[in-house]
Protein backbone atom coordinates (compact mmCIF):
# COMPACT_ATOMS: atom_id res chain seq x y z
CA UNK A 1 10.16 15.06 2.05
CA UNK A 2 7.73 15.37 5.24
CA UNK A 3 4.80 12.94 4.93
CA UNK A 4 1.53 15.00 5.87
CA UNK A 5 -1.50 13.28 5.76
CA UNK A 6 -5.16 13.94 7.71
CA UNK A 7 -6.30 10.80 9.94
CA UNK A 8 -9.69 11.57 8.44
CA UNK A 9 -8.94 11.06 4.81
CA UNK A 10 -8.50 7.48 4.86
CA UNK A 11 -8.61 6.24 1.11
CA UNK A 12 -8.47 2.56 1.34
CA UNK A 13 -6.45 -0.19 3.37
CA UNK A 14 -4.58 -2.94 1.81
CA UNK A 15 -4.16 -6.75 3.91
CA UNK A 16 -0.63 -7.71 3.88
CA UNK A 17 0.82 -11.50 4.47
CA UNK A 18 3.94 -11.65 6.53
CA UNK A 19 5.40 -15.24 6.45
CA UNK A 20 7.25 -16.04 9.48
CA UNK A 21 10.88 -18.12 9.76
CA UNK A 22 8.71 -21.32 11.54
CA UNK A 23 6.61 -21.51 8.20
CA UNK A 24 3.34 -19.78 10.09
CA UNK A 25 1.72 -16.74 8.42
CA UNK A 26 0.06 -13.49 9.93
CA UNK A 27 -2.28 -11.24 8.06
CA UNK A 28 -2.50 -7.66 9.15
CA UNK A 29 -3.98 -4.30 7.53
CA UNK A 30 -2.18 -1.49 6.24
CA UNK A 31 -4.37 1.54 5.98
CA UNK A 32 -4.09 4.15 3.21
CA UNK A 33 -3.69 7.62 2.63
CA UNK A 34 -3.16 10.21 0.21
CA UNK A 35 -1.85 13.28 1.97
CA UNK A 36 1.14 14.88 -0.11
CA UNK A 37 2.25 11.76 -1.69
CA UNK A 38 0.54 9.39 -4.08
CA UNK A 39 -0.06 6.86 -1.22
CA UNK A 40 1.18 6.65 2.30
CA UNK A 41 0.85 3.20 3.89
CA UNK A 42 0.46 2.96 7.95
CA UNK A 43 0.16 -0.01 9.94
CA UNK A 44 -2.11 1.25 13.24
CA UNK A 45 -2.37 -0.48 15.81
CA UNK A 46 -2.85 -0.21 19.59
CA UNK A 47 -0.52 -0.98 22.57
CA UNK A 48 -0.88 -0.61 25.66
CA UNK A 49 -3.74 0.79 25.55
CA UNK A 50 -2.86 3.66 23.39
CA UNK A 51 -3.29 3.85 19.81
CA UNK A 52 -0.26 4.03 17.64
CA UNK A 53 1.34 4.24 14.16
CA UNK A 54 4.30 3.08 11.87
CA UNK A 55 5.04 4.02 8.16
CA UNK A 56 5.07 0.81 6.55
CA UNK A 57 5.52 2.66 3.27
CA UNK A 58 4.93 5.39 0.58
CA UNK A 59 5.10 6.67 -2.91
CA UNK A 60 6.12 10.08 -3.23
CA UNK A 61 4.93 10.14 -6.81
CA UNK A 62 3.68 7.99 -9.78
CA UNK A 63 7.27 7.26 -11.05
CA UNK A 64 8.29 6.03 -7.02
CA UNK A 65 5.15 3.84 -7.46
CA UNK A 66 6.48 2.44 -10.72
CA UNK A 67 9.71 1.88 -8.94
CA UNK A 68 8.76 0.29 -5.73
CA UNK A 69 6.27 -1.80 -8.10
CA UNK A 70 8.88 -3.19 -10.39
CA UNK A 71 7.83 -1.60 -13.41
CA UNK A 72 10.25 0.39 -14.50
CA UNK A 73 12.85 -2.24 -16.45
CA UNK A 74 14.32 0.85 -18.25
CA UNK A 75 16.09 1.82 -14.98
CA UNK A 76 16.42 -1.14 -13.33
CA UNK A 77 13.58 -1.40 -11.07
CA UNK A 78 12.33 -4.93 -11.61
CA UNK A 79 11.20 -6.07 -8.43
CA UNK A 80 8.11 -5.66 -6.96
CA UNK A 81 8.89 -5.36 -3.44
CA UNK A 82 5.05 -5.99 -2.12
CA UNK A 83 5.11 -9.32 -3.51
CA UNK A 84 8.09 -11.22 -1.95
CA UNK A 85 8.64 -14.54 -0.33
CA UNK A 86 7.95 -13.35 3.30
CA UNK A 87 5.38 -10.37 2.71
CA UNK A 88 3.30 -9.73 0.14
CA UNK A 89 0.21 -7.48 -0.26
CA UNK A 90 -2.59 -10.03 -1.09
CA UNK A 91 -5.54 -7.10 -1.35
CA UNK A 92 -6.11 -3.61 -1.36
CA UNK A 93 -9.35 -1.32 -1.28
CA UNK A 94 -9.50 1.69 -2.70
CA UNK A 95 -11.95 4.45 -2.23
CA UNK A 96 -12.15 6.03 -5.57
CA UNK A 97 -13.86 9.02 -4.04
CA UNK A 98 -10.61 9.99 -2.03
CA UNK A 99 -8.04 8.31 -3.66
CA UNK A 100 -6.19 11.21 -6.17
CA UNK A 101 -4.13 9.13 -7.94
CA UNK A 102 -6.70 6.12 -8.23
CA UNK A 103 -6.25 6.10 -11.98
CA UNK A 104 -2.93 5.78 -12.03
CA UNK A 105 -2.62 3.06 -9.14
CA UNK A 106 -5.09 0.71 -9.93
CA UNK A 107 -3.52 -0.10 -13.58
CA UNK A 108 -0.10 0.04 -12.17
CA UNK A 109 -1.10 -2.56 -9.15
CA UNK A 110 -2.96 -4.72 -12.16
CA UNK A 111 0.18 -4.99 -14.28
CA UNK A 112 2.62 -5.81 -10.79
CA UNK A 113 1.11 -8.51 -9.03
CA UNK A 114 0.22 -11.63 -10.27
CA UNK A 115 -2.30 -12.80 -7.66
CA UNK A 116 -4.33 -9.38 -6.05
CA UNK A 117 -7.54 -8.45 -5.04
CA UNK A 118 -8.66 -5.39 -5.72
CA UNK A 119 -11.55 -3.71 -4.72
CA UNK A 120 -13.14 -0.60 -5.88
CA UNK A 121 -15.86 1.43 -3.80
CA UNK A 122 -16.72 4.83 -3.21
CA UNK A 123 -17.61 6.66 0.26
CA UNK A 124 -17.15 10.22 0.83
């Protein structure tokens, strides 16, 4: 499945904490979009005066989201890939007006994380 999104339809952002080999920690932001998926996560930055992005992660549908969050124990998905010892999501902001799967994402995040700040806002 090819992912498609509109740049003007950003629905939120996630804060990621990454632990380096020497023990230092780096925090960065991943922008969230819906497009043709439940959620598309892009790391956007500027390099050499140009705006560039890379796909950080995505959830194609609700079942894929549950698998990635370690919430599908029956099928063997028991590990939350976003709460690892070297990289984890620490906060997420979701625009209730633009996130189509808002009602599914928020409870899944609350269930999957022991320590996560969830901020909900509405902006057209």
